[in-house]
């Protein structure tokens, strides 16, 4: 893992975005990352938030690697968020 990108264990369900949102620290600055609930369901199964959060935690390392690639390739949306698809 790139030492300049760190992922604190602070994921939470965001009702407005219908997504699991989690921070990343990039060279000491916090950026916002997310994966939609429907994306978690299609990748790992489950049909409710509790199951999606459990799946996220179970697959955390792989998902963080994917987000790291998005960050390194500067693939944020127009609000500065990094979304896993």
N, C-alpha and C. Protein backbone atom coordinates (compact mmCIF):
# COMPACT_ATOMS: atom_id res chain seq x y z
N UNK A 1 0.84 -1.19 0.00
CA UNK A 1 0.00 0.00 0.00
C UNK A 1 0.88 1.25 0.00
N UNK A 2 0.45 2.24 -0.69
CA UNK A 2 1.14 3.52 -0.74
C UNK A 2 1.07 4.16 0.65
N UNK A 3 2.20 4.48 1.25
CA UNK A 3 2.23 5.05 2.60
C UNK A 3 1.61 6.43 2.68
N UNK A 4 1.52 7.14 1.56
CA UNK A 4 0.95 8.48 1.61
C UNK A 4 -0.58 8.45 1.58
N UNK A 5 -1.18 7.28 1.41
CA UNK A 5 -2.64 7.13 1.45
C UNK A 5 -2.99 6.15 2.56
N UNK A 6 -3.79 6.62 3.52
CA UNK A 6 -4.20 5.79 4.64
C UNK A 6 -5.72 5.80 4.74
N UNK A 7 -6.26 4.69 5.24
CA UNK A 7 -7.71 4.54 5.37
C UNK A 7 -8.08 4.25 6.82
N UNK A 8 -8.55 5.27 7.55
CA UNK A 8 -9.01 5.01 8.92
C UNK A 8 -10.29 4.15 8.87
N UNK A 9 -10.51 3.38 9.91
CA UNK A 9 -11.71 2.53 9.98
C UNK A 9 -12.91 3.35 10.45
N UNK A 10 -13.42 4.21 9.58
CA UNK A 10 -14.53 5.09 9.95
C UNK A 10 -15.62 5.09 8.88
N UNK A 11 -15.96 3.92 8.38
CA UNK A 11 -17.02 3.85 7.38
C UNK A 11 -18.39 4.00 8.04
N UNK A 12 -19.32 4.56 7.29
CA UNK A 12 -20.69 4.70 7.78
C UNK A 12 -21.65 4.74 6.60
N UNK A 13 -22.88 4.39 6.89
CA UNK A 13 -23.93 4.44 5.88
C UNK A 13 -24.45 5.87 5.79
N UNK A 14 -24.50 6.42 4.58
CA UNK A 14 -25.03 7.75 4.33
C UNK A 14 -26.38 7.59 3.65
N UNK A 15 -27.43 7.95 4.37
CA UNK A 15 -28.80 7.77 3.87
C UNK A 15 -29.04 8.59 2.61
N UNK A 16 -28.56 9.82 2.58
CA UNK A 16 -28.80 10.70 1.43
C UNK A 16 -28.12 10.18 0.17
N UNK A 17 -26.94 9.63 0.31
CA UNK A 17 -26.20 9.13 -0.85
C UNK A 17 -26.50 7.66 -1.15
N UNK A 18 -27.20 6.99 -0.22
CA UNK A 18 -27.47 5.54 -0.34
C UNK A 18 -26.16 4.79 -0.59
N UNK A 19 -25.16 5.12 0.24
CA UNK A 19 -23.82 4.59 0.03
C UNK A 19 -23.08 4.45 1.35
N UNK A 20 -22.09 3.58 1.33
CA UNK A 20 -21.14 3.50 2.43
C UNK A 20 -20.07 4.54 2.13
N UNK A 21 -19.89 5.47 3.05
CA UNK A 21 -18.90 6.53 2.88
C UNK A 21 -17.78 6.30 3.87
N UNK A 22 -16.57 6.59 3.42
CA UNK A 22 -15.40 6.37 4.26
C UNK A 22 -14.30 7.34 3.85
N UNK A 23 -13.49 7.78 4.82
CA UNK A 23 -12.43 8.74 4.50
C UNK A 23 -11.15 8.04 4.08
N UNK A 24 -10.32 8.80 3.39
CA UNK A 24 -8.94 8.42 3.13
C UNK A 24 -8.10 9.64 3.44
N UNK A 25 -6.91 9.39 3.95
CA UNK A 25 -5.97 10.48 4.20
C UNK A 25 -4.89 10.41 3.13
N UNK A 26 -4.81 11.47 2.35
CA UNK A 26 -3.85 11.54 1.25
C UNK A 26 -2.85 12.63 1.60
N UNK A 27 -1.62 12.21 1.89
CA UNK A 27 -0.58 13.14 2.32
C UNK A 27 -1.07 14.04 3.45
N UNK A 28 -1.85 13.46 4.38
CA UNK A 28 -2.34 14.18 5.54
C UNK A 28 -3.66 14.91 5.34
N UNK A 29 -4.17 14.98 4.11
CA UNK A 29 -5.44 15.64 3.84
C UNK A 29 -6.54 14.61 3.66
N UNK A 30 -7.70 14.88 4.25
CA UNK A 30 -8.81 13.94 4.15
C UNK A 30 -9.57 14.13 2.84
N UNK A 31 -9.85 13.01 2.18
CA UNK A 31 -10.73 13.00 1.01
C UNK A 31 -11.87 12.04 1.31
N UNK A 32 -12.96 12.20 0.58
CA UNK A 32 -14.14 11.37 0.79
C UNK A 32 -14.25 10.29 -0.27
N UNK A 33 -14.58 9.09 0.18
CA UNK A 33 -14.71 7.94 -0.71
C UNK A 33 -16.06 7.29 -0.43
N UNK A 34 -16.58 6.58 -1.43
CA UNK A 34 -17.89 5.95 -1.25
C UNK A 34 -18.08 4.78 -2.21
N UNK A 35 -18.99 3.91 -1.80
CA UNK A 35 -19.47 2.84 -2.66
C UNK A 35 -20.96 2.72 -2.43
N UNK A 36 -21.73 2.75 -3.50
CA UNK A 36 -23.18 2.71 -3.41
C UNK A 36 -23.64 1.36 -2.85
N UNK A 37 -24.73 1.39 -2.10
CA UNK A 37 -25.29 0.17 -1.55
C UNK A 37 -25.60 -0.85 -2.63
N UNK A 38 -26.14 -0.40 -3.75
CA UNK A 38 -26.47 -1.34 -4.83
C UNK A 38 -25.22 -1.97 -5.43
N UNK A 39 -24.10 -1.23 -5.41
CA UNK A 39 -22.84 -1.79 -5.89
C UNK A 39 -22.33 -2.87 -4.94
N UNK A 40 -22.43 -2.60 -3.64
CA UNK A 40 -22.02 -3.61 -2.65
C UNK A 40 -22.89 -4.85 -2.82
N UNK A 41 -24.20 -4.66 -2.98
CA UNK A 41 -25.12 -5.79 -3.14
C UNK A 41 -24.79 -6.60 -4.38
N UNK A 42 -24.49 -5.94 -5.49
CA UNK A 42 -24.20 -6.67 -6.72
C UNK A 42 -22.87 -7.40 -6.64
N UNK A 43 -21.91 -6.84 -5.92
CA UNK A 43 -20.59 -7.48 -5.80
C UNK A 43 -20.57 -8.60 -4.77
N UNK A 44 -21.21 -8.35 -3.61
CA UNK A 44 -21.04 -9.26 -2.47
C UNK A 44 -22.34 -9.85 -1.94
N UNK A 45 -23.48 -9.42 -2.46
CA UNK A 45 -24.76 -9.92 -1.97
C UNK A 45 -25.30 -9.09 -0.82
N UNK A 46 -26.39 -9.54 -0.29
CA UNK A 46 -27.05 -8.83 0.81
C UNK A 46 -28.13 -7.92 0.30
N UNK A 47 -29.08 -7.64 1.18
CA UNK A 47 -30.19 -6.79 0.76
C UNK A 47 -30.54 -5.73 1.81
N UNK A 48 -29.61 -5.49 2.74
CA UNK A 48 -29.86 -4.44 3.72
C UNK A 48 -28.53 -3.83 4.16
N UNK A 49 -28.62 -2.65 4.73
CA UNK A 49 -27.44 -1.86 5.10
C UNK A 49 -26.49 -2.65 6.00
N UNK A 50 -27.03 -3.33 7.00
CA UNK A 50 -26.18 -4.08 7.94
C UNK A 50 -25.32 -5.10 7.19
N UNK A 51 -25.91 -5.81 6.25
CA UNK A 51 -25.17 -6.80 5.46
C UNK A 51 -24.13 -6.13 4.57
N UNK A 52 -24.47 -4.97 4.01
CA UNK A 52 -23.53 -4.26 3.15
C UNK A 52 -22.33 -3.77 3.94
N UNK A 53 -22.57 -3.25 5.14
CA UNK A 53 -21.46 -2.81 5.98
C UNK A 53 -20.57 -3.99 6.36
N UNK A 54 -21.16 -5.12 6.67
CA UNK A 54 -20.37 -6.32 6.99
C UNK A 54 -19.54 -6.74 5.78
N UNK A 55 -20.13 -6.72 4.60
CA UNK A 55 -19.40 -7.08 3.38
C UNK A 55 -18.27 -6.10 3.12
N UNK A 56 -18.54 -4.82 3.33
CA UNK A 56 -17.50 -3.80 3.15
C UNK A 56 -16.32 -4.11 4.07
N UNK A 57 -16.61 -4.39 5.33
CA UNK A 57 -15.54 -4.66 6.30
C UNK A 57 -14.78 -5.93 5.95
N UNK A 58 -15.48 -6.91 5.46
CA UNK A 58 -14.84 -8.17 5.08
C UNK A 58 -13.90 -8.00 3.89
N UNK A 59 -14.27 -7.12 2.97
CA UNK A 59 -13.50 -6.91 1.73
C UNK A 59 -12.74 -5.58 1.74
N UNK A 60 -12.57 -5.02 2.92
CA UNK A 60 -11.96 -3.70 3.08
C UNK A 60 -10.64 -3.55 2.31
N UNK A 61 -9.72 -4.51 2.44
CA UNK A 61 -8.39 -4.36 1.83
C UNK A 61 -8.49 -4.24 0.32
N UNK A 62 -9.32 -5.07 -0.30
CA UNK A 62 -9.48 -5.02 -1.76
C UNK A 62 -10.12 -3.70 -2.19
N UNK A 63 -11.14 -3.26 -1.46
CA UNK A 63 -11.81 -2.02 -1.81
C UNK A 63 -10.88 -0.82 -1.63
N UNK A 64 -10.08 -0.84 -0.58
CA UNK A 64 -9.13 0.25 -0.37
C UNK A 64 -8.09 0.30 -1.50
N UNK A 65 -7.67 -0.85 -1.99
CA UNK A 65 -6.74 -0.86 -3.13
C UNK A 65 -7.38 -0.24 -4.37
N UNK A 66 -8.66 -0.54 -4.59
CA UNK A 66 -9.36 0.05 -5.74
C UNK A 66 -9.45 1.57 -5.60
N UNK A 67 -9.78 2.03 -4.40
CA UNK A 67 -9.89 3.47 -4.18
C UNK A 67 -8.52 4.13 -4.31
N UNK A 68 -7.50 3.45 -3.82
CA UNK A 68 -6.14 3.98 -3.96
C UNK A 68 -5.82 4.24 -5.43
N UNK A 69 -6.20 3.32 -6.30
CA UNK A 69 -5.98 3.52 -7.73
C UNK A 69 -6.74 4.74 -8.26
N UNK A 70 -7.99 4.90 -7.79
CA UNK A 70 -8.77 6.08 -8.20
C UNK A 70 -8.08 7.37 -7.76
N UNK A 71 -7.59 7.37 -6.52
CA UNK A 71 -6.92 8.56 -5.99
C UNK A 71 -5.65 8.86 -6.78
N UNK A 72 -4.84 7.84 -6.99
CA UNK A 72 -3.57 8.05 -7.70
C UNK A 72 -3.79 8.51 -9.14
N UNK A 73 -4.93 8.09 -9.74
CA UNK A 73 -5.26 8.49 -11.11
C UNK A 73 -6.16 9.72 -11.15
N UNK A 74 -6.36 10.35 -9.99
CA UNK A 74 -7.14 11.58 -9.88
C UNK A 74 -8.53 11.45 -10.51
N UNK A 75 -9.23 10.39 -10.17
CA UNK A 75 -10.55 10.12 -10.75
C UNK A 75 -11.68 10.46 -9.78
N UNK A 76 -11.64 11.67 -9.24
CA UNK A 76 -12.70 12.11 -8.37
C UNK A 76 -13.85 12.70 -9.18
N UNK A 77 -15.05 12.75 -8.57
CA UNK A 77 -16.17 13.36 -9.27
C UNK A 77 -16.11 14.88 -9.12
N UNK A 78 -17.10 15.61 -9.62
CA UNK A 78 -17.04 17.07 -9.59
C UNK A 78 -17.18 17.65 -8.17
N UNK A 79 -17.57 16.83 -7.18
CA UNK A 79 -17.59 17.29 -5.79
C UNK A 79 -16.33 16.84 -5.04
N UNK A 80 -15.40 16.18 -5.73
CA UNK A 80 -14.17 15.74 -5.11
C UNK A 80 -14.23 14.38 -4.44
N UNK A 81 -15.31 13.63 -4.66
CA UNK A 81 -15.47 12.30 -4.07
C UNK A 81 -14.90 11.24 -4.99
N UNK A 82 -14.42 10.16 -4.37
CA UNK A 82 -13.93 8.99 -5.11
C UNK A 82 -14.95 7.87 -4.91
N UNK A 83 -15.60 7.47 -6.00
CA UNK A 83 -16.66 6.47 -5.98
C UNK A 83 -16.21 5.16 -6.60
N UNK A 84 -16.40 4.08 -5.86
CA UNK A 84 -16.15 2.75 -6.41
C UNK A 84 -17.37 2.32 -7.23
N UNK A 85 -17.12 1.70 -8.36
CA UNK A 85 -18.25 1.25 -9.18
C UNK A 85 -18.26 -0.26 -9.25
